[in-house]
Amino acid sequence: MTTSPRFGYGSQDELPQEMLALADGISSLPAVYRQRLEPLMLRIMESTRRRRRILRLVQEALSQLRLDMKYLLFDLEATRRERDAYRRSLESERGEE
């Protein structure tokens, strides 16, 4: 008798292949062992998914921070150029007087 996997895998790329293989192995165990191991495996799988979601969020936040820093540096340089141009125009006006 073959049993279908009892674990909700979700997206296959969310979990490492080794973990999926372990879940398949647990699902093929006799019921007495499977009942003890399945809840533990489900908790581990959910924890892994949660960590991956958190990691993805952190990576997105870092990417956004890098982009924001580029915009801020560009703005700073533009402001400095405007300031220097304004100083030069003030100095040239004072020199003409």
N, C-alpha and C. Protein backbone atom coordinates (compact mmCIF):
# COMPACT_ATOMS: atom_id res chain seq x y z
N MET A 1 0.84 -1.18 0.00
CA MET A 1 0.00 0.00 0.00
C MET A 1 0.88 1.23 0.00
N THR A 2 0.67 2.10 -0.96
CA THR A 2 1.44 3.35 -1.01
C THR A 2 0.60 4.45 -0.40
N THR A 3 1.28 5.32 0.29
CA THR A 3 0.58 6.45 0.91
C THR A 3 1.02 7.72 0.22
N SER A 4 0.12 8.65 0.09
CA SER A 4 0.48 9.94 -0.47
C SER A 4 1.08 10.78 0.64
N PRO A 5 1.94 11.73 0.30
CA PRO A 5 2.55 12.57 1.32
C PRO A 5 1.49 13.31 2.11
N ARG A 6 1.66 13.33 3.41
CA ARG A 6 0.67 13.98 4.27
C ARG A 6 1.06 15.40 4.62
N PHE A 7 2.25 15.80 4.21
CA PHE A 7 2.71 17.14 4.53
C PHE A 7 2.32 18.11 3.44
N GLY A 8 1.82 19.28 3.84
CA GLY A 8 1.51 20.32 2.87
C GLY A 8 2.79 21.03 2.48
N TYR A 9 3.32 20.68 1.33
CA TYR A 9 4.60 21.23 0.92
C TYR A 9 4.52 22.69 0.52
N GLY A 10 3.42 23.12 0.00
CA GLY A 10 3.36 24.48 -0.51
C GLY A 10 4.21 24.56 -1.77
N SER A 11 4.87 25.64 -1.95
CA SER A 11 5.75 25.79 -3.10
C SER A 11 6.99 24.94 -2.90
N GLN A 12 7.35 24.17 -3.92
CA GLN A 12 8.47 23.24 -3.80
C GLN A 12 9.80 23.96 -3.57
N ASP A 13 9.91 25.21 -4.01
CA ASP A 13 11.18 25.90 -3.84
C ASP A 13 11.31 26.55 -2.47
N GLU A 14 10.30 26.46 -1.65
CA GLU A 14 10.38 27.05 -0.32
C GLU A 14 11.21 26.21 0.63
N LEU A 15 11.25 24.92 0.42
CA LEU A 15 11.93 24.02 1.34
C LEU A 15 13.08 23.31 0.64
N PRO A 16 14.16 23.05 1.38
CA PRO A 16 15.27 22.31 0.79
C PRO A 16 14.84 20.90 0.37
N GLN A 17 15.46 20.38 -0.65
CA GLN A 17 15.12 19.05 -1.15
C GLN A 17 15.34 17.98 -0.09
N GLU A 18 16.35 18.16 0.75
CA GLU A 18 16.61 17.18 1.81
C GLU A 18 15.43 17.10 2.79
N MET A 19 14.86 18.28 3.07
CA MET A 19 13.73 18.30 4.00
C MET A 19 12.50 17.62 3.37
N LEU A 20 12.31 17.84 2.08
CA LEU A 20 11.19 17.19 1.40
C LEU A 20 11.39 15.67 1.37
N ALA A 21 12.63 15.25 1.17
CA ALA A 21 12.92 13.81 1.18
C ALA A 21 12.68 13.23 2.56
N LEU A 22 13.06 13.96 3.59
CA LEU A 22 12.81 13.50 4.96
C LEU A 22 11.32 13.39 5.23
N ALA A 23 10.54 14.37 4.77
CA ALA A 23 9.09 14.33 4.95
C ALA A 23 8.49 13.12 4.24
N ASP A 24 8.98 12.84 3.04
CA ASP A 24 8.50 11.66 2.33
C ASP A 24 8.85 10.38 3.09
N GLY A 25 10.07 10.36 3.64
CA GLY A 25 10.47 9.20 4.42
C GLY A 25 9.61 9.00 5.65
N ILE A 26 9.29 10.11 6.33
CA ILE A 26 8.44 10.04 7.52
C ILE A 26 7.04 9.56 7.14
N SER A 27 6.54 10.03 6.00
CA SER A 27 5.17 9.63 5.60
C SER A 27 5.08 8.15 5.25
N SER A 28 6.23 7.52 4.96
CA SER A 28 6.19 6.09 4.63
C SER A 28 6.44 5.20 5.85
N LEU A 29 6.66 5.80 7.02
CA LEU A 29 6.88 5.02 8.24
C LEU A 29 5.59 4.39 8.74
N PRO A 30 5.69 3.38 9.56
CA PRO A 30 4.49 2.83 10.19
C PRO A 30 3.78 3.92 11.02
N ALA A 31 2.49 3.77 11.16
CA ALA A 31 1.66 4.80 11.81
C ALA A 31 2.15 5.19 13.19
N VAL A 32 2.63 4.25 13.96
CA VAL A 32 3.06 4.54 15.34
C VAL A 32 4.20 5.54 15.36
N TYR A 33 5.16 5.39 14.45
CA TYR A 33 6.30 6.31 14.39
C TYR A 33 5.92 7.61 13.69
N ARG A 34 5.13 7.46 12.64
CA ARG A 34 4.71 8.62 11.86
C ARG A 34 3.94 9.61 12.73
N GLN A 35 3.07 9.12 13.61
CA GLN A 35 2.27 10.01 14.46
C GLN A 35 3.15 10.83 15.40
N ARG A 36 4.27 10.28 15.79
CA ARG A 36 5.18 11.01 16.68
C ARG A 36 6.04 12.01 15.92
N LEU A 37 6.40 11.67 14.70
CA LEU A 37 7.33 12.51 13.94
C LEU A 37 6.66 13.58 13.08
N GLU A 38 5.46 13.32 12.62
CA GLU A 38 4.80 14.29 11.73
C GLU A 38 4.63 15.67 12.36
N PRO A 39 4.13 15.77 13.60
CA PRO A 39 3.99 17.12 14.17
C PRO A 39 5.32 17.86 14.27
N LEU A 40 6.38 17.14 14.60
CA LEU A 40 7.70 17.77 14.68
C LEU A 40 8.15 18.23 13.30
N MET A 41 7.95 17.40 12.30
CA MET A 41 8.34 17.76 10.94
C MET A 41 7.54 18.95 10.43
N LEU A 42 6.26 18.97 10.73
CA LEU A 42 5.43 20.11 10.31
C LEU A 42 5.92 21.41 10.94
N ARG A 43 6.29 21.36 12.23
CA ARG A 43 6.81 22.56 12.89
C ARG A 43 8.12 23.01 12.27
N ILE A 44 8.98 22.06 11.94
CA ILE A 44 10.26 22.40 11.32
C ILE A 44 10.03 23.01 9.93
N MET A 45 9.11 22.42 9.18
CA MET A 45 8.82 22.94 7.84
C MET A 45 8.26 24.36 7.91
N GLU A 46 7.35 24.59 8.83
CA GLU A 46 6.78 25.93 8.97
C GLU A 46 7.83 26.94 9.42
N SER A 47 8.69 26.52 10.32
CA SER A 47 9.77 27.39 10.79
C SER A 47 10.71 27.73 9.64
N THR A 48 11.01 26.77 8.81
CA THR A 48 11.88 27.01 7.66
C THR A 48 11.24 27.98 6.68
N ARG A 49 9.96 27.78 6.42
CA ARG A 49 9.24 28.71 5.52
C ARG A 49 9.24 30.12 6.10
N ARG A 50 9.00 30.24 7.40
CA ARG A 50 8.98 31.55 8.05
C ARG A 50 10.34 32.23 7.95
N ARG A 51 11.41 31.47 8.19
CA ARG A 51 12.76 32.04 8.09
C ARG A 51 13.05 32.51 6.67
N ARG A 52 12.63 31.73 5.70
CA ARG A 52 12.87 32.12 4.32
C ARG A 52 12.09 33.37 3.95
N ARG A 53 10.85 33.48 4.45
CA ARG A 53 10.06 34.70 4.20
C ARG A 53 10.74 35.90 4.83
N ILE A 54 11.23 35.74 6.06
CA ILE A 54 11.91 36.83 6.74
C ILE A 54 13.18 37.22 5.99
N LEU A 55 13.94 36.24 5.56
CA LEU A 55 15.16 36.52 4.80
C LEU A 55 14.84 37.27 3.51
N ARG A 56 13.79 36.85 2.83
CA ARG A 56 13.38 37.53 1.60
C ARG A 56 12.99 38.99 1.89
N LEU A 57 12.27 39.22 2.99
CA LEU A 57 11.88 40.59 3.35
C LEU A 57 13.10 41.44 3.68
N VAL A 58 14.05 40.87 4.40
CA VAL A 58 15.27 41.59 4.75
C VAL A 58 16.06 41.94 3.48
N GLN A 59 16.15 40.98 2.55
CA GLN A 59 16.87 41.24 1.31
C GLN A 59 16.19 42.35 0.50
N GLU A 60 14.87 42.34 0.47
CA GLU A 60 14.15 43.40 -0.24
C GLU A 60 14.36 44.75 0.43
N ALA A 61 14.35 44.75 1.76
CA ALA A 61 14.56 46.00 2.49
C ALA A 61 15.97 46.54 2.24
N LEU A 62 16.96 45.67 2.20
CA LEU A 62 18.33 46.10 1.91
C LEU A 62 18.45 46.64 0.49
N SER A 63 17.79 46.02 -0.44
CA SER A 63 17.82 46.51 -1.82
C SER A 63 17.20 47.90 -1.89
N GLN A 64 16.09 48.08 -1.21
CA GLN A 64 15.43 49.39 -1.20
C GLN A 64 16.32 50.43 -0.53
N LEU A 65 16.98 50.04 0.55
CA LEU A 65 17.89 50.96 1.24
C LEU A 65 19.04 51.37 0.33
N ARG A 66 19.60 50.41 -0.40
CA ARG A 66 20.68 50.74 -1.34
C ARG A 66 20.20 51.73 -2.40
N LEU A 67 19.02 51.49 -2.92
CA LEU A 67 18.48 52.40 -3.93
C LEU A 67 18.24 53.78 -3.34
N ASP A 68 17.66 53.83 -2.14
CA ASP A 68 17.44 55.13 -1.47
C ASP A 68 18.75 55.87 -1.24
N MET A 69 19.80 55.12 -0.87
CA MET A 69 21.10 55.75 -0.64
C MET A 69 21.64 56.35 -1.95
N LYS A 70 21.45 55.64 -3.06
CA LYS A 70 21.91 56.18 -4.35
C LYS A 70 21.19 57.47 -4.68
N TYR A 71 19.87 57.49 -4.45
CA TYR A 71 19.11 58.71 -4.70
C TYR A 71 19.56 59.85 -3.79
N LEU A 72 19.82 59.53 -2.52
CA LEU A 72 20.27 60.57 -1.59
C LEU A 72 21.64 61.11 -1.97
N LEU A 73 22.56 60.25 -2.39
CA LEU A 73 23.87 60.71 -2.81
C LEU A 73 23.77 61.57 -4.07
N PHE A 74 22.91 61.16 -5.00
CA PHE A 74 22.69 61.97 -6.19
C PHE A 74 22.15 63.34 -5.81
N ASP A 75 21.18 63.37 -4.92
CA ASP A 75 20.59 64.63 -4.48
C ASP A 75 21.62 65.50 -3.76
N LEU A 76 22.45 64.88 -2.94
CA LEU A 76 23.49 65.62 -2.22
C LEU A 76 24.47 66.26 -3.20
N GLU A 77 24.90 65.50 -4.19
CA GLU A 77 25.82 66.05 -5.18
C GLU A 77 25.18 67.19 -5.97
N ALA A 78 23.91 67.03 -6.34
CA ALA A 78 23.21 68.09 -7.07
C ALA A 78 23.09 69.34 -6.20
N THR A 79 22.79 69.15 -4.93
CA THR A 79 22.69 70.29 -4.02
C THR A 79 24.03 70.99 -3.88
N ARG A 80 25.11 70.21 -3.79
CA ARG A 80 26.44 70.83 -3.70
C ARG A 80 26.78 71.60 -4.96
N ARG A 81 26.45 71.04 -6.12
CA ARG A 81 26.71 71.76 -7.37
C ARG A 81 25.91 73.06 -7.42
N GLU A 82 24.66 73.01 -7.00
CA GLU A 82 23.83 74.23 -6.98
C GLU A 82 24.40 75.25 -6.02
N ARG A 83 24.85 74.79 -4.86
CA ARG A 83 25.43 75.70 -3.88
C ARG A 83 26.69 76.37 -4.43
N ASP A 84 27.56 75.58 -5.04
CA ASP A 84 28.80 76.12 -5.60
C ASP A 84 28.52 77.10 -6.72
N ALA A 85 27.53 76.78 -7.57
CA ALA A 85 27.16 77.70 -8.66
C ALA A 85 26.61 79.00 -8.08
N TYR A 86 25.82 78.91 -7.04
CA TYR A 86 25.26 80.11 -6.42
C TYR A 86 26.37 80.95 -5.79
N ARG A 87 27.33 80.29 -5.13
CA ARG A 87 28.47 81.03 -4.54
C ARG A 87 29.25 81.75 -5.62
N ARG A 88 29.51 81.05 -6.73
CA ARG A 88 30.26 81.69 -7.81
C ARG A 88 29.51 82.90 -8.37
N SER A 89 28.19 82.77 -8.49
CA SER A 89 27.41 83.90 -9.01
C SER A 89 27.43 85.06 -8.01
N LEU A 90 27.38 84.78 -6.71
CA LEU A 90 27.45 85.84 -5.70
C LEU A 90 28.81 86.52 -5.73
N GLU A 91 29.87 85.71 -5.85
CA GLU A 91 31.21 86.26 -5.88
C GLU A 91 31.44 87.13 -7.13
N SER A 92 30.87 86.67 -8.24
CA SER A 92 31.04 87.46 -9.47
C SER A 92 30.24 88.76 -9.38
N GLU A 93 29.08 88.75 -8.72
CA GLU A 93 28.29 89.98 -8.54
C GLU A 93 29.04 90.94 -7.63
N ARG A 94 29.66 90.42 -6.58
CA ARG A 94 30.43 91.30 -5.65
C ARG A 94 31.66 91.85 -6.34
N GLY A 95 32.26 91.07 -7.22
CA GLY A 95 33.44 91.53 -7.93
C GLY A 95 33.12 92.64 -8.91
N GLU A 96 31.91 92.67 -9.45
CA GLU A 96 31.52 93.70 -10.43
C GLU A 96 31.20 95.01 -9.73
N GLU A 97 30.88 94.96 -8.47
CA GLU A 97 30.50 96.19 -7.76
C GLU A 97 31.67 97.02 -7.37
